[in-house]
Amino acid sequence: MQLKPAELIINEDGSIYHLNLLPEDIATTVITVGDPDRVRQVSQHFDTIEVKKGKREFHTHTGHLNGKRISVISTGIGTDNIDIVLNELDALVNIDFKTRTLKEKHTSLDIIRIGTTGAIQPDIPIDSFLISKYSIGFDGLLHFYEHDKINYPEIEDEFIAHTAWNAHKARPYVLSYSEKLGKRFSDNRIRLGFTATNTGFYGPQQRQLRIKPSQMELMEKLSTFKFKELKLTNLEMETSGIYALAQLLGHEAVSMNCILANRSTGEFSITPTESVDRLIEFCLKRLA
């Protein structure tokens, strides 16, 4: 099947539409960060940098660390941007741009999100690290794609009942990380978490400035939800989309979180940059 120009949009220089990248520009190990400035924060640890490209909020550096080729790309905030980034990264390695056809041999990427998050359990310390073993998405992205048996409907049903989830919102979906990739970052100092991916920062996370959220009690219900021994640990805005598309496209993905806030205690880190730096250094050591 040949993809139409309106389906696979290629720029005049042969690069993919949004990311502005050529197939040779990316490594098979890809770190995603939300903030474009954090790309430099990661790549400053590389021994060499061979690619520096940017368009819109999508900035990419590709280089080498201890002989391993690694790309780091900024996604911006939210699963809508993740939909763009994951699909276009996959296209760069699994579609022949000259013929607009799928390659016979599938290439699997290792995708590591390094991001910040807010804890919702009082016993999770500020500036600590958390691996998202599971994620529950409130964004609905998974439901726009054909999917079969990659999510956990029994957990979803319990969550919907516990929170009295509004039927006008997207059905929450639960996914897990890549165990293969997750093992590379496992450490007895790092908590395995169950991450909630929100569609926004204010109302969807029950922050009130001048508009009252529709379900102010939701934060308490999130923190008290329990399925067997599984409790929700933290809130952020990209993980469920990464896990969904990575699994559908045949890639390995893990989300690494730096706890900068605790919504239960009201605390916020006084050294956020240093804490994120420590997480970046930890991840790069495990990769290289």
Protein backbone atom coordinates (compact mmCIF):
# COMPACT_ATOMS: atom_id res chain seq x y z
CA MET A 1 0.00 0.00 0.00
CA GLN A 2 1.32 3.40 -0.99
CA LEU A 3 0.56 6.19 1.47
CA LYS A 4 -1.02 9.31 0.02
CA PRO A 5 0.73 12.71 0.33
CA ALA A 6 -1.99 13.94 2.70
CA GLU A 7 -1.44 10.93 4.99
CA LEU A 8 2.36 10.93 5.09
CA ILE A 9 3.35 14.59 4.76
CA ILE A 10 6.97 15.08 3.74
CA ASN A 11 8.66 18.48 3.61
CA GLU A 12 10.54 19.71 0.54
CA ASP A 13 13.87 18.66 2.07
CA GLY A 14 12.61 15.10 2.58
CA SER A 15 11.98 15.45 6.30
CA ILE A 16 8.87 14.39 8.20
CA TYR A 17 6.26 17.16 8.48
CA HIS A 18 6.23 18.27 12.14
CA LEU A 19 9.52 16.98 13.53
CA ASN A 20 11.55 18.25 10.55
CA LEU A 21 13.74 15.12 10.75
CA LEU A 22 15.23 12.84 8.10
CA PRO A 23 15.29 9.07 8.72
CA GLU A 24 19.05 9.16 9.35
CA ASP A 25 18.68 11.88 11.98
CA ILE A 26 17.42 9.65 14.79
CA ALA A 27 18.86 6.79 16.81
CA THR A 28 16.90 3.70 17.81
CA THR A 29 17.19 4.84 21.44
CA VAL A 30 15.06 7.95 21.92
CA ILE A 31 14.63 10.05 25.06
CA THR A 32 11.53 12.23 25.11
CA VAL A 33 11.23 15.36 27.25
CA GLY A 34 8.39 17.85 27.41
CA ASP A 35 10.37 21.08 27.63
CA PRO A 36 12.47 22.05 24.56
CA ASP A 37 15.09 23.52 26.91
CA ARG A 38 15.51 20.11 28.52
CA VAL A 39 16.86 18.71 25.24
CA ARG A 40 20.06 20.67 25.85
CA GLN A 41 19.99 19.61 29.49
CA VAL A 42 20.21 15.99 28.30
CA SER A 43 22.55 16.37 25.31
CA GLN A 44 25.15 18.32 27.32
CA HIS A 45 26.12 14.92 28.73
CA PHE A 46 26.78 13.44 25.25
CA ASP A 47 30.37 12.97 24.10
CA THR A 48 29.46 14.25 20.64
CA ILE A 49 26.36 15.76 19.00
CA GLU A 50 25.83 15.17 15.28
CA VAL A 51 22.27 16.46 14.76
CA LYS A 52 20.61 19.61 16.10
CA LYS A 53 17.24 20.38 14.57
CA GLY A 54 14.09 22.14 15.72
CA LYS A 55 10.64 23.11 14.49
CA ARG A 56 7.81 24.43 16.60
CA GLU A 57 8.12 22.85 20.05
CA PHE A 58 9.87 19.79 18.62
CA HIS A 59 13.64 20.05 19.13
CA THR A 60 15.97 17.11 18.52
CA HIS A 61 19.62 16.40 19.35
CA THR A 62 21.27 13.14 18.29
CA GLY A 63 24.72 12.19 19.49
CA HIS A 64 26.87 9.56 21.13
CA LEU A 65 27.57 8.69 24.76
CA ASN A 66 30.17 6.03 25.53
CA GLY A 67 29.80 4.77 21.96
CA LYS A 68 25.99 4.51 22.10
CA ARG A 69 23.92 6.61 19.68
CA ILE A 70 21.03 8.39 21.43
CA SER A 71 18.43 10.92 20.32
CA VAL A 72 16.60 13.30 22.64
CA ILE A 73 13.47 15.07 21.41
CA SER A 74 11.07 17.52 23.03
CA THR A 75 7.40 16.71 22.69
CA GLY A 76 5.80 19.74 24.27
CA ILE A 77 3.01 19.13 26.77
CA GLY A 78 0.15 16.68 26.38
CA THR A 79 -0.89 13.49 24.61
CA ASP A 80 -2.03 15.40 21.51
CA ASN A 81 1.64 16.21 20.90
CA ILE A 82 2.60 12.63 21.77
CA ASP A 83 0.32 11.47 18.95
CA ILE A 84 2.43 13.52 16.52
CA VAL A 85 5.83 12.61 17.94
CA LEU A 86 5.33 8.84 18.29
CA ASN A 87 3.71 8.43 14.88
CA GLU A 88 6.39 10.48 13.14
CA LEU A 89 9.26 8.75 14.95
CA ASP A 90 7.80 5.42 13.86
CA ALA A 91 7.42 6.66 10.29
CA LEU A 92 11.09 7.65 10.20
CA VAL A 93 12.21 4.06 10.86
CA ASN A 94 9.38 1.96 9.41
CA ILE A 95 8.26 3.74 6.25
CA ASP A 96 10.26 4.16 3.05
CA PHE A 97 9.92 7.86 2.26
CA LYS A 98 10.90 7.41 -1.40
CA THR A 99 8.19 4.85 -2.20
CA ARG A 100 5.76 5.86 0.60
CA THR A 101 5.38 2.19 1.52
CA LEU A 102 5.88 0.26 4.75
CA LYS A 103 9.27 -1.39 5.13
CA GLU A 104 9.30 -5.18 5.21
CA LYS A 105 11.56 -5.26 8.28
CA HIS A 106 10.13 -3.60 11.39
CA THR A 107 12.46 -1.47 13.53
CA SER A 108 11.63 -1.20 17.21
CA LEU A 109 12.62 1.92 19.13
CA ASP A 110 13.49 2.17 22.82
CA ILE A 111 11.58 5.22 24.06
CA ILE A 112 12.38 6.70 27.47
CA ARG A 113 10.34 9.60 28.79
CA ILE A 114 12.24 11.74 31.30
CA GLY A 115 9.69 14.06 32.84
CA THR A 116 8.40 15.83 35.92
CA THR A 117 5.34 14.92 37.91
CA GLY A 118 3.28 15.57 41.02
CA ALA A 119 2.71 12.86 43.63
CA ILE A 120 -0.74 12.30 45.12
CA GLN A 121 0.30 10.04 48.03
CA PRO A 122 1.77 11.73 51.14
CA ASP A 123 4.54 9.15 51.57
CA ILE A 124 6.19 9.91 48.19
CA PRO A 125 9.11 12.30 48.84
CA ILE A 126 9.80 15.46 46.87
CA ASP A 127 12.82 15.11 44.52
CA SER A 128 12.52 11.31 44.44
CA PHE A 129 12.19 9.23 41.25
CA LEU A 130 9.35 7.02 40.06
CA ILE A 131 8.97 4.55 37.18
CA SER A 132 5.47 4.37 35.71
CA LYS A 133 4.82 0.62 35.72
CA TYR A 134 1.21 1.38 34.87
CA SER A 135 -0.53 4.42 33.51
CA ILE A 136 -4.20 5.38 33.36
CA GLY A 137 -5.06 7.84 30.61
CA PHE A 138 -7.90 10.33 30.85
CA ASP A 139 -7.12 11.69 27.36
CA GLY A 140 -8.94 9.16 25.17
CA LEU A 141 -6.07 8.87 22.67
CA LEU A 142 -6.08 5.06 22.66
CA HIS A 143 -9.73 5.00 21.58
CA PHE A 144 -8.93 6.73 18.28
CA TYR A 145 -6.97 3.63 17.18
CA GLU A 146 -7.87 -0.01 16.73
CA HIS A 147 -6.62 -1.87 19.77
CA ASP A 148 -7.12 -5.30 21.21
CA LYS A 149 -6.14 -6.70 24.60
CA ILE A 150 -3.39 -4.23 25.44
CA ASN A 151 -5.33 -2.47 28.18
CA TYR A 152 -6.77 -3.59 31.54
CA PRO A 153 -10.59 -3.21 31.48
CA GLU A 154 -11.04 -4.71 34.96
CA ILE A 155 -8.92 -1.94 36.50
CA GLU A 156 -10.69 0.66 34.35
CA ASP A 157 -14.12 -0.53 35.51
CA GLU A 158 -13.10 -0.37 39.18
CA PHE A 159 -11.69 3.12 38.68
CA ILE A 160 -14.82 4.38 36.92
CA ALA A 161 -17.01 3.06 39.75
CA HIS A 162 -14.77 4.43 42.52
CA THR A 163 -14.56 7.93 41.06
CA ALA A 164 -18.14 8.12 39.72
CA TRP A 165 -16.46 9.01 36.42
CA ASN A 166 -18.52 11.43 34.34
CA ALA A 167 -19.90 9.68 31.25
CA HIS A 168 -19.27 12.82 29.17
CA LYS A 169 -15.51 12.33 29.62
CA ALA A 170 -13.39 9.84 27.69
CA ARG A 171 -13.28 6.34 29.15
CA PRO A 172 -10.03 5.97 31.15
CA TYR A 173 -7.64 3.33 29.80
CA VAL A 174 -4.90 1.48 31.66
CA LEU A 175 -1.63 0.33 30.08
CA SER A 176 1.70 -0.98 31.35
CA TYR A 177 5.30 -0.16 30.58
CA SER A 178 7.74 -2.33 28.64
CA GLU A 179 9.08 -4.81 31.20
CA LYS A 180 12.13 -5.39 29.02
CA LEU A 181 13.05 -1.70 29.00
CA GLY A 182 11.82 -1.06 32.53
CA LYS A 183 14.30 -3.60 33.94
CA ARG A 184 17.18 -1.45 32.70
CA PHE A 185 16.07 1.33 35.06
CA SER A 186 14.94 -0.75 38.02
CA ASP A 187 16.58 0.22 41.29
CA ASN A 188 15.55 -0.38 44.88
CA ARG A 189 15.72 3.39 45.45
CA ILE A 190 13.11 4.06 42.74
CA ARG A 191 9.40 3.50 43.32
CA LEU A 192 7.29 1.59 40.80
CA GLY A 193 4.22 3.73 40.26
CA PHE A 194 0.73 3.85 38.78
CA THR A 195 0.61 7.15 36.91
CA ALA A 196 -2.47 9.16 35.94
CA THR A 197 -2.14 11.05 32.67
CA ASN A 198 -4.32 14.18 32.59
CA THR A 199 -5.60 16.22 29.67
CA GLY A 200 -4.63 19.54 31.25
CA PHE A 201 -2.78 21.19 34.12
CA TYR A 202 -5.50 23.22 35.84
CA GLY A 203 -9.10 21.98 35.82
CA PRO A 204 -8.24 18.41 34.86
CA GLN A 205 -5.87 18.27 37.84
CA GLN A 206 -8.37 20.03 40.13
CA ARG A 207 -6.45 23.31 40.31
CA GLN A 208 -8.73 26.31 40.71
CA LEU A 209 -7.68 29.81 39.69
CA ARG A 210 -10.77 31.64 38.39
CA ILE A 211 -12.78 28.68 37.05
CA LYS A 212 -14.07 26.00 39.39
CA PRO A 213 -13.34 22.42 38.23
CA SER A 214 -16.43 20.30 37.68
CA GLN A 215 -15.42 17.57 40.12
CA MET A 216 -13.44 19.04 43.01
CA GLU A 217 -13.59 15.78 44.95
CA LEU A 218 -11.80 13.91 42.15
CA MET A 219 -8.32 14.45 43.65
CA GLU A 220 -9.36 12.69 46.86
CA LYS A 221 -10.92 9.86 44.86
CA LEU A 222 -7.73 9.48 42.81
CA SER A 223 -5.59 9.24 45.94
CA THR A 224 -7.91 6.68 47.57
CA PHE A 225 -8.39 4.43 44.53
CA LYS A 226 -7.06 0.91 45.03
CA PHE A 227 -7.19 -2.17 42.83
CA LYS A 228 -5.85 -5.15 44.81
CA GLU A 229 -2.43 -3.76 45.87
CA LEU A 230 -2.30 -1.14 43.10
CA LYS A 231 -2.69 2.53 44.10
CA LEU A 232 -2.40 5.67 41.99
CA THR A 233 0.84 7.48 42.77
CA ASN A 234 1.25 10.57 40.59
CA LEU A 235 -0.12 12.90 37.92
CA GLU A 236 1.46 14.06 34.64
CA MET A 237 0.40 14.63 31.02
CA GLU A 238 2.14 12.31 28.52
CA THR A 239 2.75 8.76 29.76
CA SER A 240 -0.49 7.05 28.73
CA GLY A 241 -0.14 8.34 25.16
CA ILE A 242 3.46 7.11 24.95
CA TYR A 243 2.54 3.67 26.28
CA ALA A 244 -0.49 3.41 23.98
CA LEU A 245 1.25 4.27 20.72
CA ALA A 246 4.47 2.45 21.60
CA GLN A 247 2.55 -0.78 22.10
CA LEU A 248 0.38 -0.32 19.01
CA LEU A 249 3.44 0.48 16.86
CA GLY A 250 5.69 -2.22 18.32
CA HIS A 251 8.14 -0.13 20.34
CA GLU A 252 9.46 -0.42 23.91
CA ALA A 253 8.61 2.45 26.27
CA VAL A 254 9.16 3.47 29.88
CA SER A 255 8.31 6.70 31.69
CA MET A 256 10.79 8.02 34.26
CA ASN A 257 9.41 10.69 36.60
CA CYS A 258 11.02 13.23 38.90
CA ILE A 259 8.66 14.14 41.76
CA LEU A 260 8.68 17.95 41.92
CA ALA A 261 5.36 18.42 43.71
CA ASN A 262 3.22 16.57 46.20
CA ARG A 263 -0.45 17.50 45.88
CA SER A 264 -1.31 15.72 49.11
CA THR A 265 1.14 17.69 51.28
CA GLY A 266 1.23 20.88 49.19
CA GLU A 267 5.01 20.79 48.82
CA PHE A 268 7.05 21.81 45.78
CA SER A 269 10.75 21.18 45.17
CA ILE A 270 13.17 24.00 45.98
CA THR A 271 15.80 22.46 43.68
CA PRO A 272 13.82 21.36 40.59
CA THR A 273 16.64 21.80 38.05
CA GLU A 274 19.13 19.85 40.13
CA SER A 275 16.62 17.05 40.73
CA VAL A 276 15.84 16.67 37.05
CA ASP A 277 19.59 16.68 36.33
CA ARG A 278 20.04 13.76 38.71
CA LEU A 279 17.30 11.80 36.92
CA ILE A 280 18.86 12.56 33.52
CA GLU A 281 22.28 11.38 34.71
CA PHE A 282 20.77 8.22 36.20
CA CYS A 283 18.95 7.37 32.96
CA LEU A 284 21.95 8.04 30.74
CA LYS A 285 24.17 5.80 32.88
CA ARG A 286 21.65 2.98 32.52
CA LEU A 287 21.43 3.51 28.75
CA ALA A 288 25.14 3.89 28.00
